[in-house]
């Protein structure tokens, strides 16, 4: 169940559903578009099956110098090519999920979120809805998703040409 404050982005792409699916499930494709503008994904390990693990490393330049972020999760629903659900937690460089205390949150605070990707075949075009449950719609994470989906659209355009 999603809340009103969860990030939810809908977009229609001029690309077949199988192509959009592959950009979400193939590590090389995923690394080519994921993250906010200027981010680089040096690691995208994705075992895309129910119970499979994922580990993503993101690097970007900030005004305070280079920054690295790490994310881990597990695939909960893999229904090609229409639905993908995975959990996501911030992690250390070794892939260990961070605790609430390590993230500066109150003890026991929820640190795991869920990403739900739904794709609908529109006869050569694809409608995509991405919902990041647990990330506020007005957060930097939400802004990062908008930039990432723009990059996904640009990547699809390059693959079509």
N, C-alpha and C. Protein backbone atom coordinates (compact mmCIF):
# COMPACT_ATOMS: atom_id res chain seq x y z
N UNK A 1 0.84 -1.18 0.00
CA UNK A 1 0.00 0.00 0.00
C UNK A 1 0.89 1.24 0.00
N UNK A 2 0.54 2.21 -0.80
CA UNK A 2 1.33 3.42 -0.88
C UNK A 2 0.61 4.56 -0.18
N UNK A 3 1.40 5.48 0.34
CA UNK A 3 0.84 6.65 1.00
C UNK A 3 0.87 7.84 0.08
N UNK A 4 0.19 8.88 0.48
CA UNK A 4 0.09 10.07 -0.34
C UNK A 4 1.44 10.76 -0.51
N UNK A 5 2.36 10.52 0.44
CA UNK A 5 3.65 11.18 0.37
C UNK A 5 4.71 10.36 -0.34
N UNK A 6 4.37 9.18 -0.86
CA UNK A 6 5.34 8.36 -1.58
C UNK A 6 5.62 8.98 -2.95
N UNK A 7 6.83 8.78 -3.45
CA UNK A 7 7.16 9.23 -4.80
C UNK A 7 6.41 8.36 -5.79
N UNK A 8 5.71 8.99 -6.73
CA UNK A 8 5.01 8.26 -7.78
C UNK A 8 5.19 9.04 -9.09
N UNK A 9 5.77 8.36 -10.08
CA UNK A 9 6.04 8.99 -11.37
C UNK A 9 5.41 8.14 -12.46
N UNK A 10 4.62 8.77 -13.30
CA UNK A 10 4.05 8.09 -14.47
C UNK A 10 4.64 8.72 -15.71
N UNK A 11 4.99 7.87 -16.67
CA UNK A 11 5.57 8.35 -17.92
C UNK A 11 5.21 7.38 -19.02
N UNK A 12 4.99 7.89 -20.21
CA UNK A 12 4.77 7.04 -21.39
C UNK A 12 5.96 7.20 -22.32
N UNK A 13 6.53 6.07 -22.72
CA UNK A 13 7.71 6.06 -23.57
C UNK A 13 7.35 5.55 -24.96
N UNK A 14 8.02 6.10 -25.95
CA UNK A 14 7.87 5.63 -27.32
C UNK A 14 8.85 4.48 -27.53
N UNK A 15 8.58 3.38 -26.81
CA UNK A 15 9.45 2.21 -26.86
C UNK A 15 8.63 0.99 -26.46
N UNK A 16 8.96 -0.17 -27.02
CA UNK A 16 8.22 -1.38 -26.64
C UNK A 16 8.49 -1.78 -25.18
N UNK A 17 7.52 -2.45 -24.60
CA UNK A 17 7.59 -2.83 -23.19
C UNK A 17 8.83 -3.67 -22.88
N UNK A 18 9.23 -4.56 -23.79
CA UNK A 18 10.40 -5.40 -23.54
C UNK A 18 11.67 -4.58 -23.40
N UNK A 19 11.77 -3.48 -24.16
CA UNK A 19 12.94 -2.62 -24.08
C UNK A 19 12.96 -1.89 -22.73
N UNK A 20 11.82 -1.38 -22.31
CA UNK A 20 11.75 -0.69 -21.02
C UNK A 20 12.07 -1.67 -19.89
N UNK A 21 11.51 -2.87 -19.97
CA UNK A 21 11.79 -3.90 -18.96
C UNK A 21 13.30 -4.16 -18.85
N UNK A 22 13.97 -4.28 -19.99
CA UNK A 22 15.40 -4.60 -19.96
C UNK A 22 16.22 -3.48 -19.33
N UNK A 23 15.78 -2.24 -19.44
CA UNK A 23 16.51 -1.15 -18.81
C UNK A 23 16.38 -1.18 -17.29
N UNK A 24 15.35 -1.84 -16.79
CA UNK A 24 15.18 -2.02 -15.35
C UNK A 24 15.85 -3.29 -14.82
N UNK A 25 16.09 -4.28 -15.68
CA UNK A 25 16.52 -5.59 -15.19
C UNK A 25 17.91 -6.02 -15.66
N UNK A 26 18.47 -5.38 -16.64
CA UNK A 26 19.82 -5.69 -17.10
C UNK A 26 20.79 -4.73 -16.40
N UNK A 27 21.75 -5.24 -15.64
CA UNK A 27 22.64 -4.35 -14.87
C UNK A 27 23.34 -3.29 -15.71
N UNK A 28 23.82 -3.63 -16.90
CA UNK A 28 24.51 -2.66 -17.74
C UNK A 28 23.56 -1.54 -18.17
N UNK A 29 22.36 -1.92 -18.60
CA UNK A 29 21.37 -0.90 -18.98
C UNK A 29 21.00 -0.05 -17.77
N UNK A 30 20.73 -0.69 -16.62
CA UNK A 30 20.32 0.03 -15.42
C UNK A 30 21.37 1.07 -15.03
N UNK A 31 22.64 0.66 -15.05
CA UNK A 31 23.72 1.57 -14.67
C UNK A 31 23.84 2.75 -15.62
N UNK A 32 23.33 2.62 -16.84
CA UNK A 32 23.46 3.69 -17.83
C UNK A 32 22.51 4.86 -17.60
N UNK A 33 21.48 4.67 -16.78
CA UNK A 33 20.50 5.76 -16.60
C UNK A 33 20.16 6.07 -15.15
N UNK A 34 20.39 5.16 -14.23
CA UNK A 34 19.92 5.31 -12.86
C UNK A 34 20.65 6.43 -12.12
N UNK A 35 19.93 7.12 -11.27
CA UNK A 35 20.50 8.13 -10.39
C UNK A 35 20.22 9.53 -10.87
N UNK A 36 20.50 10.51 -10.02
CA UNK A 36 20.30 11.91 -10.40
C UNK A 36 21.33 12.34 -11.43
N UNK A 37 21.08 13.47 -12.06
CA UNK A 37 21.99 14.02 -13.06
C UNK A 37 23.40 14.11 -12.48
N UNK A 38 24.37 13.63 -13.23
CA UNK A 38 25.76 13.68 -12.80
C UNK A 38 26.23 12.46 -12.03
N UNK A 39 25.30 11.58 -11.67
CA UNK A 39 25.69 10.38 -10.92
C UNK A 39 26.28 9.34 -11.85
N UNK A 40 27.13 8.51 -11.29
CA UNK A 40 27.72 7.38 -12.02
C UNK A 40 27.45 6.14 -11.19
N UNK A 41 27.14 5.03 -11.86
CA UNK A 41 26.85 3.77 -11.19
C UNK A 41 27.98 2.79 -11.52
N UNK A 42 29.02 2.72 -10.67
CA UNK A 42 30.13 1.80 -10.95
C UNK A 42 29.79 0.34 -10.65
N UNK A 43 28.78 0.11 -9.81
CA UNK A 43 28.39 -1.25 -9.46
C UNK A 43 26.88 -1.38 -9.56
N UNK A 44 26.43 -2.36 -10.34
CA UNK A 44 25.01 -2.71 -10.40
C UNK A 44 24.94 -4.23 -10.45
N UNK A 45 24.81 -4.83 -9.29
CA UNK A 45 24.67 -6.28 -9.19
C UNK A 45 23.19 -6.57 -8.97
N UNK A 46 22.60 -7.33 -9.90
CA UNK A 46 21.15 -7.53 -9.87
C UNK A 46 20.82 -8.98 -10.21
N UNK A 47 20.35 -9.72 -9.23
CA UNK A 47 19.89 -11.10 -9.41
C UNK A 47 18.36 -11.02 -9.49
N UNK A 48 17.87 -10.73 -10.70
CA UNK A 48 16.46 -10.39 -10.89
C UNK A 48 15.59 -11.65 -10.91
N UNK A 49 15.24 -12.08 -9.69
CA UNK A 49 14.31 -13.19 -9.46
C UNK A 49 13.78 -12.99 -8.05
N UNK A 50 12.60 -13.52 -7.78
CA UNK A 50 12.04 -13.38 -6.44
C UNK A 50 13.04 -13.95 -5.43
N UNK A 51 13.39 -13.14 -4.43
CA UNK A 51 14.39 -13.52 -3.44
C UNK A 51 15.81 -13.15 -3.83
N UNK A 52 16.01 -12.76 -5.09
CA UNK A 52 17.34 -12.36 -5.55
C UNK A 52 17.75 -11.03 -4.94
N UNK A 53 19.04 -10.86 -4.77
CA UNK A 53 19.57 -9.65 -4.14
C UNK A 53 20.01 -8.64 -5.19
N UNK A 54 20.09 -7.40 -4.76
CA UNK A 54 20.63 -6.34 -5.61
C UNK A 54 21.56 -5.48 -4.77
N UNK A 55 22.59 -4.97 -5.41
CA UNK A 55 23.55 -4.08 -4.74
C UNK A 55 23.97 -3.04 -5.75
N UNK A 56 23.77 -1.78 -5.39
CA UNK A 56 24.04 -0.66 -6.29
C UNK A 56 24.99 0.30 -5.60
N UNK A 57 26.02 0.74 -6.31
CA UNK A 57 26.92 1.79 -5.83
C UNK A 57 26.74 3.01 -6.72
N UNK A 58 26.63 4.18 -6.10
CA UNK A 58 26.44 5.42 -6.84
C UNK A 58 27.52 6.41 -6.41
N UNK A 59 28.12 7.07 -7.39
CA UNK A 59 29.12 8.10 -7.10
C UNK A 59 28.69 9.39 -7.77
N UNK A 60 28.94 10.51 -7.07
CA UNK A 60 28.64 11.81 -7.68
C UNK A 60 29.50 12.89 -7.04
N UNK A 61 29.68 13.95 -7.80
CA UNK A 61 30.40 15.12 -7.29
C UNK A 61 29.41 16.00 -6.54
N UNK A 62 29.85 16.55 -5.41
CA UNK A 62 29.04 17.49 -4.64
C UNK A 62 29.90 18.72 -4.37
N UNK A 63 29.30 19.81 -3.93
CA UNK A 63 30.10 20.99 -3.59
C UNK A 63 31.16 20.70 -2.52
N UNK A 64 30.92 19.66 -1.70
CA UNK A 64 31.87 19.28 -0.65
C UNK A 64 32.86 18.21 -1.10
N UNK A 65 32.82 17.85 -2.38
CA UNK A 65 33.72 16.83 -2.89
C UNK A 65 32.97 15.58 -3.31
N UNK A 66 33.68 14.54 -3.75
CA UNK A 66 33.03 13.32 -4.21
C UNK A 66 32.24 12.64 -3.09
N UNK A 67 31.13 12.03 -3.48
CA UNK A 67 30.29 11.32 -2.52
C UNK A 67 29.93 9.96 -3.11
N UNK A 68 29.95 8.93 -2.28
CA UNK A 68 29.53 7.60 -2.68
C UNK A 68 28.35 7.19 -1.81
N UNK A 69 27.38 6.52 -2.46
CA UNK A 69 26.23 5.98 -1.75
C UNK A 69 26.06 4.54 -2.20
N UNK A 70 25.56 3.70 -1.29
CA UNK A 70 25.39 2.29 -1.59
C UNK A 70 23.98 1.87 -1.19
N UNK A 71 23.39 1.01 -2.00
CA UNK A 71 22.03 0.55 -1.76
C UNK A 71 21.98 -0.97 -1.93
N UNK A 72 21.22 -1.63 -1.09
CA UNK A 72 21.00 -3.07 -1.22
C UNK A 72 19.50 -3.34 -1.13
N UNK A 73 19.11 -4.49 -1.63
CA UNK A 73 17.70 -4.85 -1.53
C UNK A 73 17.47 -6.26 -2.04
N UNK A 74 16.20 -6.60 -2.07
CA UNK A 74 15.78 -7.93 -2.50
C UNK A 74 14.57 -7.79 -3.42
N UNK A 75 14.56 -8.61 -4.46
CA UNK A 75 13.41 -8.62 -5.38
C UNK A 75 12.26 -9.39 -4.73
N UNK A 76 11.10 -8.78 -4.69
CA UNK A 76 9.92 -9.38 -4.07
C UNK A 76 8.90 -9.86 -5.09
N UNK A 77 8.85 -9.21 -6.27
CA UNK A 77 7.93 -9.60 -7.34
C UNK A 77 8.65 -9.35 -8.65
N UNK A 78 8.75 -10.38 -9.47
CA UNK A 78 9.36 -10.27 -10.80
C UNK A 78 8.39 -10.93 -11.76
N UNK A 79 7.61 -10.11 -12.46
CA UNK A 79 6.59 -10.60 -13.39
C UNK A 79 6.83 -9.97 -14.76
N UNK A 80 7.79 -10.53 -15.53
CA UNK A 80 8.15 -9.95 -16.83
C UNK A 80 6.97 -9.92 -17.79
N UNK A 81 6.82 -8.91 -18.60
CA UNK A 81 7.54 -7.64 -18.53
C UNK A 81 6.68 -6.53 -17.92
N UNK A 82 5.83 -6.86 -16.95
CA UNK A 82 4.87 -5.86 -16.48
C UNK A 82 5.06 -5.36 -15.05
N UNK A 83 5.73 -6.11 -14.20
CA UNK A 83 5.80 -5.69 -12.78
C UNK A 83 7.11 -6.13 -12.14
N UNK A 84 7.72 -5.19 -11.43
CA UNK A 84 8.96 -5.43 -10.72
C UNK A 84 8.85 -4.72 -9.37
N UNK A 85 9.10 -5.46 -8.30
CA UNK A 85 9.06 -4.88 -6.95
C UNK A 85 10.33 -5.31 -6.23
N UNK A 86 11.02 -4.32 -5.65
CA UNK A 86 12.21 -4.64 -4.87
C UNK A 86 12.30 -3.72 -3.66
N UNK A 87 12.98 -4.21 -2.63
CA UNK A 87 13.24 -3.39 -1.46
C UNK A 87 14.53 -2.63 -1.67
N UNK A 88 14.70 -1.57 -0.89
CA UNK A 88 15.93 -0.80 -0.98
C UNK A 88 16.29 -0.24 0.39
N UNK A 89 17.55 -0.42 0.75
CA UNK A 89 18.09 0.13 2.00
C UNK A 89 19.44 0.74 1.69
N UNK A 90 19.76 1.81 2.40
CA UNK A 90 21.11 2.36 2.29
C UNK A 90 22.06 1.36 2.94
N UNK A 91 23.28 1.31 2.42
CA UNK A 91 24.24 0.31 2.89
C UNK A 91 25.63 0.91 2.98
N UNK A 92 26.54 0.14 3.58
CA UNK A 92 27.94 0.52 3.57
C UNK A 92 28.58 -0.03 2.29
N UNK A 93 29.85 0.26 2.10
CA UNK A 93 30.55 -0.14 0.87
C UNK A 93 30.60 -1.65 0.68
N UNK A 94 30.48 -2.42 1.77
CA UNK A 94 30.53 -3.87 1.68
C UNK A 94 29.15 -4.48 1.41
N UNK A 95 28.12 -3.64 1.36
CA UNK A 95 26.78 -4.15 1.08
C UNK A 95 25.97 -4.52 2.31
N UNK A 96 26.37 -4.05 3.47
CA UNK A 96 25.61 -4.29 4.70
C UNK A 96 24.63 -3.15 4.91
N UNK A 97 23.36 -3.48 5.04
CA UNK A 97 22.34 -2.45 5.24
C UNK A 97 22.66 -1.65 6.50
N UNK A 98 22.48 -0.33 6.41
CA UNK A 98 22.73 0.54 7.55
C UNK A 98 21.55 0.50 8.53
N UNK A 99 21.86 0.59 9.80
CA UNK A 99 20.81 0.66 10.82
C UNK A 99 20.30 2.09 10.91
N UNK A 100 19.18 2.25 11.58
CA UNK A 100 18.63 3.59 11.78
C UNK A 100 19.65 4.48 12.50
N UNK A 101 20.31 3.94 13.51
CA UNK A 101 21.29 4.71 14.26
C UNK A 101 22.45 5.15 13.37
N UNK A 102 22.92 4.26 12.50
CA UNK A 102 24.02 4.61 11.59
C UNK A 102 23.62 5.70 10.62
N UNK A 103 22.32 5.80 10.33
CA UNK A 103 21.83 6.83 9.41
C UNK A 103 21.42 8.11 10.13
N UNK A 104 21.61 8.13 11.46
CA UNK A 104 21.25 9.31 12.23
C UNK A 104 19.76 9.42 12.51
N UNK A 105 19.05 8.29 12.44
CA UNK A 105 17.61 8.26 12.70
C UNK A 105 17.36 7.69 14.09
N UNK A 106 16.17 7.91 14.61
CA UNK A 106 15.85 7.32 15.92
C UNK A 106 15.92 5.80 15.87
N UNK A 107 16.32 5.19 16.97
CA UNK A 107 16.41 3.73 17.05
C UNK A 107 15.07 3.12 16.66
N UNK A 108 15.12 2.09 15.83
CA UNK A 108 13.91 1.39 15.41
C UNK A 108 13.19 2.02 14.22
N UNK A 109 13.68 3.16 13.73
CA UNK A 109 13.04 3.78 12.57
C UNK A 109 13.17 2.88 11.36
N UNK A 110 12.18 2.93 10.49
CA UNK A 110 12.20 2.13 9.27
C UNK A 110 13.28 2.64 8.33
N UNK A 111 14.13 1.72 7.85
CA UNK A 111 15.20 2.11 6.93
C UNK A 111 15.05 1.43 5.57
N UNK A 112 14.07 0.54 5.45
CA UNK A 112 13.85 -0.18 4.19
C UNK A 112 12.65 0.43 3.47
N UNK A 113 12.83 0.71 2.19
CA UNK A 113 11.75 1.21 1.35
C UNK A 113 11.47 0.18 0.26
N UNK A 114 10.45 0.43 -0.54
CA UNK A 114 10.11 -0.48 -1.65
C UNK A 114 9.92 0.33 -2.92
N UNK A 115 10.40 -0.23 -4.02
CA UNK A 115 10.21 0.36 -5.34
C UNK A 115 9.31 -0.57 -6.14
N UNK A 116 8.24 -0.01 -6.68
CA UNK A 116 7.28 -0.76 -7.50
C UNK A 116 7.29 -0.17 -8.89
N UNK A 117 7.62 -1.00 -9.89
CA UNK A 117 7.65 -0.59 -11.29
C UNK A 117 6.54 -1.35 -12.00
N UNK A 118 5.61 -0.62 -12.60
CA UNK A 118 4.51 -1.24 -13.35
C UNK A 118 4.57 -0.75 -14.79
N UNK A 119 4.57 -1.69 -15.72
CA UNK A 119 4.64 -1.37 -17.14
C UNK A 119 3.39 -1.87 -17.84
N UNK A 120 2.89 -1.05 -18.77
CA UNK A 120 1.69 -1.41 -19.53
C UNK A 120 2.00 -1.25 -21.02
N UNK A 121 1.78 -2.32 -21.79
CA UNK A 121 2.03 -2.33 -23.23
C UNK A 121 0.93 -1.54 -23.93
N UNK A 122 1.34 -0.52 -24.66
CA UNK A 122 0.41 0.30 -25.43
C UNK A 122 0.63 0.10 -26.93
N UNK A 123 0.98 -1.11 -27.33
CA UNK A 123 1.19 -1.39 -28.75
C UNK A 123 2.38 -0.67 -29.33
N UNK A 124 3.57 -0.98 -28.84
CA UNK A 124 4.79 -0.34 -29.32
C UNK A 124 5.24 0.82 -28.44
N UNK A 125 4.36 1.28 -27.59
CA UNK A 125 4.68 2.30 -26.59
C UNK A 125 4.47 1.66 -25.22
N UNK A 126 5.01 2.28 -24.19
CA UNK A 126 4.91 1.71 -22.84
C UNK A 126 4.57 2.80 -21.84
N UNK A 127 3.54 2.55 -21.04
CA UNK A 127 3.24 3.42 -19.91
C UNK A 127 3.89 2.80 -18.68
N UNK A 128 4.67 3.60 -17.98
CA UNK A 128 5.39 3.15 -16.81
C UNK A 128 4.94 3.97 -15.60
N UNK A 129 4.70 3.28 -14.50
CA UNK A 129 4.44 3.93 -13.22
C UNK A 129 5.46 3.40 -12.23
N UNK A 130 6.23 4.30 -11.63
CA UNK A 130 7.21 3.95 -10.61
C UNK A 130 6.74 4.57 -9.31
N UNK A 131 6.65 3.75 -8.28
CA UNK A 131 6.30 4.24 -6.95
C UNK A 131 7.40 3.83 -5.98
N UNK A 132 7.98 4.81 -5.30
CA UNK A 132 8.98 4.51 -4.28
C UNK A 132 8.30 4.73 -2.93
N UNK A 133 7.87 3.63 -2.34
CA UNK A 133 7.14 3.65 -1.08
C UNK A 133 8.12 3.93 0.06
N UNK A 134 7.82 4.96 0.84
CA UNK A 134 8.67 5.29 1.97
C UNK A 134 9.59 6.47 1.72
N UNK A 135 9.56 7.02 0.50
CA UNK A 135 10.35 8.20 0.18
C UNK A 135 9.38 9.36 -0.05
N UNK A 136 9.49 10.42 0.75
CA UNK A 136 8.56 11.54 0.60
C UNK A 136 8.62 12.19 -0.78
N UNK A 137 7.46 12.58 -1.26
CA UNK A 137 7.34 13.16 -2.59
C UNK A 137 8.11 14.48 -2.74
N UNK A 138 8.40 15.16 -1.64
CA UNK A 138 9.09 16.44 -1.71
C UNK A 138 10.56 16.33 -1.27
N UNK A 139 11.12 15.12 -1.31
CA UNK A 139 12.48 14.89 -0.82
C UNK A 139 13.51 14.97 -1.94
N UNK A 140 14.80 15.08 -1.58
CA UNK A 140 15.85 14.99 -2.60
C UNK A 140 15.79 13.66 -3.37
N UNK A 141 15.38 12.58 -2.69
CA UNK A 141 15.24 11.30 -3.38
C UNK A 141 14.21 11.36 -4.49
N UNK A 142 13.12 12.08 -4.26
CA UNK A 142 12.09 12.25 -5.28
C UNK A 142 12.64 13.04 -6.47
N UNK A 143 13.41 14.08 -6.18
CA UNK A 143 14.02 14.86 -7.26
C UNK A 143 14.99 14.00 -8.06
N UNK A 144 15.73 13.13 -7.36
CA UNK A 144 16.64 12.21 -8.04
C UNK A 144 15.89 11.26 -8.97
N UNK A 145 14.72 10.78 -8.55
CA UNK A 145 13.92 9.91 -9.40
C UNK A 145 13.48 10.62 -10.68
N UNK A 146 13.07 11.87 -10.57
CA UNK A 146 12.65 12.61 -11.77
C UNK A 146 13.82 12.70 -12.75
N UNK A 147 15.00 13.02 -12.25
CA UNK A 147 16.19 13.10 -13.12
C UNK A 147 16.51 11.73 -13.72
N UNK A 148 16.40 10.68 -12.92
CA UNK A 148 16.69 9.33 -13.41
C UNK A 148 15.72 8.92 -14.51
N UNK A 149 14.44 9.20 -14.33
CA UNK A 149 13.45 8.82 -15.35
C UNK A 149 13.67 9.62 -16.63
N UNK A 150 14.10 10.87 -16.51
CA UNK A 150 14.47 11.64 -17.70
C UNK A 150 15.64 10.95 -18.42
N UNK A 151 16.62 10.47 -17.66
CA UNK A 151 17.76 9.77 -18.25
C UNK A 151 17.34 8.44 -18.86
N UNK A 152 16.38 7.76 -18.24
CA UNK A 152 15.83 6.52 -18.80
C UNK A 152 15.20 6.80 -20.16
N UNK A 153 14.43 7.87 -20.25
CA UNK A 153 13.81 8.26 -21.51
C UNK A 153 14.86 8.54 -22.58
N UNK A 154 15.92 9.27 -22.21
CA UNK A 154 17.00 9.57 -23.16
C UNK A 154 17.71 8.30 -23.59
N UNK A 155 17.93 7.37 -22.68
CA UNK A 155 18.58 6.09 -23.02
C UNK A 155 17.72 5.30 -23.99
N UNK A 156 16.42 5.26 -23.76
CA UNK A 156 15.50 4.58 -24.69
C UNK A 156 15.58 5.19 -26.08
N UNK A 157 15.65 6.52 -26.14
CA UNK A 157 15.74 7.21 -27.44
C UNK A 157 17.01 6.80 -28.17
N UNK A 158 18.14 6.72 -27.44
CA UNK A 158 19.39 6.30 -28.06
C UNK A 158 19.33 4.86 -28.55
N UNK A 159 18.69 3.99 -27.79
CA UNK A 159 18.59 2.58 -28.19
C UNK A 159 17.68 2.41 -29.41
N UNK A 160 16.68 3.25 -29.53
CA UNK A 160 15.77 3.17 -30.68
C UNK A 160 16.43 3.64 -31.96
N UNK A 161 17.35 4.59 -31.84
CA UNK A 161 18.00 5.18 -33.04
C UNK A 161 19.08 4.31 -33.62
